[in-house]
């Protein structure tokens, strides 16, 4: 068979190969994108937890050494809001009563990571929970 006949028989082969490989490449691309978003969300939640614990550890107590978590919870919400995230129920900042110097302030932040891809929700709708403990000053 001559060269022209061989090329005629392979017409459309590269298009067919592209159609077969394209879904795999798209899946890998979108999976990498979503895992990157999840990692960013974990880092933001970690930062919010640290900032909440730090704010709570330097907030003056109410009369009777009662801990007021309001400022720390507001700080957590501010950090999460900058990334268009919202805290799930169960997010709180605590200190044992009486909250005196040396007590432990604990910030527990919970966020649900939601994927933007319609075919991955069952894989990537996960809860992210970070807890930070600092000494009350």
C-alpha atoms as a PDB file:
ATOM      1  CA  UNK A   1       0.000   0.000   0.000  1.00  0.00           C
ATOM      2  CA  UNK A   2       1.346   3.382  -0.880  1.00  0.00           C
ATOM      3  CA  UNK A   3       1.756   6.260   1.449  1.00  0.00           C
ATOM      4  CA  UNK A   4      -1.326   8.187   0.292  1.00  0.00           C
ATOM      5  CA  UNK A   5      -3.559   5.157   0.918  1.00  0.00           C
ATOM      6  CA  UNK A   6      -2.189   4.700   4.428  1.00  0.00           C
ATOM      7  CA  UNK A   7      -2.888   8.334   5.326  1.00  0.00           C
ATOM      8  CA  UNK A   8      -6.399   8.060   3.913  1.00  0.00           C
ATOM      9  CA  UNK A   9      -7.176   5.111   6.226  1.00  0.00           C
ATOM     10  CA  UNK A  10      -6.031   7.047   9.324  1.00  0.00           C
ATOM     11  CA  UNK A  11      -8.109  10.143   8.702  1.00  0.00           C
ATOM     12  CA  UNK A  12      -9.859  11.213  11.921  1.00  0.00           C
ATOM     13  CA  UNK A  13      -7.678   9.066  14.188  1.00  0.00           C
ATOM     14  CA  UNK A  14      -6.298  12.054  16.104  1.00  0.00           C
ATOM     15  CA  UNK A  15      -9.833  13.425  16.597  1.00  0.00           C
ATOM     16  CA  UNK A  16     -11.004  10.104  18.003  1.00  0.00           C
ATOM     17  CA  UNK A  17      -7.989   9.899  20.337  1.00  0.00           C
ATOM     18  CA  UNK A  18      -8.697  13.446  21.534  1.00  0.00           C
ATOM     19  CA  UNK A  19     -12.334  12.588  22.258  1.00  0.00           C
ATOM     20  CA  UNK A  20     -11.243   9.542  24.266  1.00  0.00           C
ATOM     21  CA  UNK A  21      -8.562  11.391  26.285  1.00  0.00           C
ATOM     22  CA  UNK A  22     -10.445  14.678  26.891  1.00  0.00           C
ATOM     23  CA  UNK A  23     -12.775  13.445  29.697  1.00  0.00           C
ATOM     24  CA  UNK A  24      -9.820  12.068  31.635  1.00  0.00           C
ATOM     25  CA  UNK A  25      -7.868  15.311  31.283  1.00  0.00           C
ATOM     26  CA  UNK A  26     -10.888  17.372  32.361  1.00  0.00           C
ATOM     27  CA  UNK A  27     -11.492  15.153  35.385  1.00  0.00           C
ATOM     28  CA  UNK A  28      -7.846  15.484  36.482  1.00  0.00           C
ATOM     29  CA  UNK A  29      -7.931  19.260  35.955  1.00  0.00           C
ATOM     30  CA  UNK A  30     -11.135  19.776  37.956  1.00  0.00           C
ATOM     31  CA  UNK A  31     -10.031  17.364  40.694  1.00  0.00           C
ATOM     32  CA  UNK A  32      -6.802  19.338  41.141  1.00  0.00           C
ATOM     33  CA  UNK A  33      -8.799  22.576  41.205  1.00  0.00           C
ATOM     34  CA  UNK A  34     -11.192  21.301  43.893  1.00  0.00           C
ATOM     35  CA  UNK A  35      -8.417  19.834  46.040  1.00  0.00           C
ATOM     36  CA  UNK A  36      -6.627  23.190  45.874  1.00  0.00           C
ATOM     37  CA  UNK A  37      -9.805  24.949  47.016  1.00  0.00           C
ATOM     38  CA  UNK A  38     -10.194  22.436  49.861  1.00  0.00           C
ATOM     39  CA  UNK A  39      -6.592  23.008  50.991  1.00  0.00           C
ATOM     40  CA  UNK A  40      -7.140  26.783  50.926  1.00  0.00           C
ATOM     41  CA  UNK A  41     -10.295  26.348  53.006  1.00  0.00           C
ATOM     42  CA  UNK A  42      -8.390  24.257  55.571  1.00  0.00           C
ATOM     43  CA  UNK A  43      -5.757  26.996  55.865  1.00  0.00           C
ATOM     44  CA  UNK A  44      -8.400  29.716  56.287  1.00  0.00           C
ATOM     45  CA  UNK A  45     -10.225  27.723  58.977  1.00  0.00           C
ATOM     46  CA  UNK A  46      -6.905  27.127  60.777  1.00  0.00           C
ATOM     47  CA  UNK A  47      -6.163  30.859  60.694  1.00  0.00           C
ATOM     48  CA  UNK A  48      -9.650  31.691  61.974  1.00  0.00           C
ATOM     49  CA  UNK A  49      -9.218  29.246  64.853  1.00  0.00           C
ATOM     50  CA  UNK A  50      -5.843  30.722  65.817  1.00  0.00           C
ATOM     51  CA  UNK A  51      -7.123  34.288  65.630  1.00  0.00           C
ATOM     52  CA  UNK A  52     -10.209  33.403  67.661  1.00  0.00           C
ATOM     53  CA  UNK A  53      -8.130  31.772  70.385  1.00  0.00           C
ATOM     54  CA  UNK A  54      -5.692  34.693  70.414  1.00  0.00           C
ATOM     55  CA  UNK A  55      -8.460  37.283  70.643  1.00  0.00           C
ATOM     56  CA  UNK A  56     -10.150  35.292  73.404  1.00  0.00           C
ATOM     57  CA  UNK A  57      -6.913  34.938  75.358  1.00  0.00           C
ATOM     58  CA  UNK A  58      -6.368  38.711  75.572  1.00  0.00           C
ATOM     59  CA  UNK A  59     -10.008  39.811  76.083  1.00  0.00           C
ATOM     60  CA  UNK A  60     -10.614  41.152  79.602  1.00  0.00           C
ATOM     61  CA  UNK A  61     -13.047  39.009  81.605  1.00  0.00           C
ATOM     62  CA  UNK A  62     -16.438  40.196  82.789  1.00  0.00           C
ATOM     63  CA  UNK A  63     -16.968  40.801  86.535  1.00  0.00           C
ATOM     64  CA  UNK A  64     -16.509  37.595  88.502  1.00  0.00           C
ATOM     65  CA  UNK A  65     -13.875  36.286  86.063  1.00  0.00           C
ATOM     66  CA  UNK A  66     -16.554  35.196  83.586  1.00  0.00           C
ATOM     67  CA  UNK A  67     -15.247  34.721  80.051  1.00  0.00           C
ATOM     68  CA  UNK A  68     -16.935  36.712  77.263  1.00  0.00           C
ATOM     69  CA  UNK A  69     -16.398  34.991  73.882  1.00  0.00           C
ATOM     70  CA  UNK A  70     -18.120  37.707  71.812  1.00  0.00           C
ATOM     71  CA  UNK A  71     -14.969  39.450  70.517  1.00  0.00           C
ATOM     72  CA  UNK A  72     -13.304  36.139  69.630  1.00  0.00           C
ATOM     73  CA  UNK A  73     -16.385  34.859  67.789  1.00  0.00           C
ATOM     74  CA  UNK A  74     -16.657  38.139  65.871  1.00  0.00           C
ATOM     75  CA  UNK A  75     -12.993  37.812  64.861  1.00  0.00           C
ATOM     76  CA  UNK A  76     -13.590  34.246  63.628  1.00  0.00           C
ATOM     77  CA  UNK A  77     -16.588  35.402  61.600  1.00  0.00           C
ATOM     78  CA  UNK A  78     -14.560  38.283  60.096  1.00  0.00           C
ATOM     79  CA  UNK A  79     -11.814  35.967  58.881  1.00  0.00           C
ATOM     80  CA  UNK A  80     -14.251  33.442  57.459  1.00  0.00           C
ATOM     81  CA  UNK A  81     -16.275  36.195  55.760  1.00  0.00           C
ATOM     82  CA  UNK A  82     -13.201  37.402  53.853  1.00  0.00           C
ATOM     83  CA  UNK A  83     -13.184  34.020  52.100  1.00  0.00           C
ATOM     84  CA  UNK A  84     -16.984  33.854  51.673  1.00  0.00           C
ATOM     85  CA  UNK A  85     -17.227  31.113  54.277  1.00  0.00           C
ATOM     86  CA  UNK A  86     -19.566  30.849  57.235  1.00  0.00           C
ATOM     87  CA  UNK A  87     -19.117  28.974  60.465  1.00  0.00           C
ATOM     88  CA  UNK A  88     -21.220  25.880  61.089  1.00  0.00           C
ATOM     89  CA  UNK A  89     -23.109  25.310  64.350  1.00  0.00           C
ATOM     90  CA  UNK A  90     -20.699  24.136  67.003  1.00  0.00           C
ATOM     91  CA  UNK A  91     -18.171  26.887  66.362  1.00  0.00           C
ATOM     92  CA  UNK A  92     -17.356  28.426  69.728  1.00  0.00           C
ATOM     93  CA  UNK A  93     -14.701  29.900  71.989  1.00  0.00           C
ATOM     94  CA  UNK A  94     -14.575  28.673  75.580  1.00  0.00           C
ATOM     95  CA  UNK A  95     -12.652  29.209  78.792  1.00  0.00           C
ATOM     96  CA  UNK A  96     -13.368  27.447  82.093  1.00  0.00           C
ATOM     97  CA  UNK A  97     -15.004  29.487  84.841  1.00  0.00           C
ATOM     98  CA  UNK A  98     -13.350  31.262  86.543  1.00  0.00           C
ATOM     99  CA  UNK A  99     -11.291  32.397  83.561  1.00  0.00           C
ATOM    100  CA  UNK A 100      -8.076  33.583  85.188  1.00  0.00           C
ATOM    101  CA  UNK A 101      -4.502  33.994  83.996  1.00  0.00           C
ATOM    102  CA  UNK A 102      -3.157  30.607  82.973  1.00  0.00           C
ATOM    103  CA  UNK A 103      -6.536  29.126  82.041  1.00  0.00           C
ATOM    104  CA  UNK A 104      -6.908  27.605  78.599  1.00  0.00           C
ATOM    105  CA  UNK A 105      -8.953  29.403  75.950  1.00  0.00           C
ATOM    106  CA  UNK A 106     -10.134  27.007  73.264  1.00  0.00           C
ATOM    107  CA  UNK A 107     -11.452  28.047  69.848  1.00  0.00           C
ATOM    108  CA  UNK A 108     -13.251  25.371  67.864  1.00  0.00           C
ATOM    109  CA  UNK A 109     -14.123  26.342  64.273  1.00  0.00           C
ATOM    110  CA  UNK A 110     -16.272  24.182  61.980  1.00  0.00           C
ATOM    111  CA  UNK A 111     -16.900  24.821  58.282  1.00  0.00           C
ATOM    112  CA  UNK A 112     -18.421  22.649  55.562  1.00  0.00           C
ATOM    113  CA  UNK A 113     -16.471  22.648  52.296  1.00  0.00           C
ATOM    114  CA  UNK A 114     -18.837  22.628  49.328  1.00  0.00           C
ATOM    115  CA  UNK A 115     -17.595  21.760  45.876  1.00  0.00           C
ATOM    116  CA  UNK A 116     -18.635  23.862  42.890  1.00  0.00           C
ATOM    117  CA  UNK A 117     -18.682  20.903  40.518  1.00  0.00           C
ATOM    118  CA  UNK A 118     -22.024  19.145  40.066  1.00  0.00           C
ATOM    119  CA  UNK A 119     -20.526  15.651  39.750  1.00  0.00           C
ATOM    120  CA  UNK A 120     -18.328  15.730  42.866  1.00  0.00           C
ATOM    121  CA  UNK A 121     -20.629  16.671  45.811  1.00  0.00           C
ATOM    122  CA  UNK A 122     -20.728  13.174  47.213  1.00  0.00           C
ATOM    123  CA  UNK A 123     -16.916  13.122  47.260  1.00  0.00           C
ATOM    124  CA  UNK A 124     -16.017  16.591  48.492  1.00  0.00           C
ATOM    125  CA  UNK A 125     -18.791  17.941  50.755  1.00  0.00           C
ATOM    126  CA  UNK A 126     -16.767  17.468  53.899  1.00  0.00           C
ATOM    127  CA  UNK A 127     -16.655  19.102  57.297  1.00  0.00           C
ATOM    128  CA  UNK A 128     -13.472  20.900  58.280  1.00  0.00           C
ATOM    129  CA  UNK A 129     -12.862  21.285  62.003  1.00  0.00           C
ATOM    130  CA  UNK A 130      -9.899  23.047  63.601  1.00  0.00           C
ATOM    131  CA  UNK A 131      -9.307  23.551  67.321  1.00  0.00           C
ATOM    132  CA  UNK A 132      -6.721  25.870  68.865  1.00  0.00           C
ATOM    133  CA  UNK A 133      -5.888  26.212  72.552  1.00  0.00           C
ATOM    134  CA  UNK A 134      -4.012  29.191  74.038  1.00  0.00           C
ATOM    135  CA  UNK A 135      -3.205  30.306  77.551  1.00  0.00           C
ATOM    136  CA  UNK A 136      -5.348  33.127  78.930  1.00  0.00           C
ATOM    137  CA  UNK A 137      -3.245  36.194  79.664  1.00  0.00           C
END
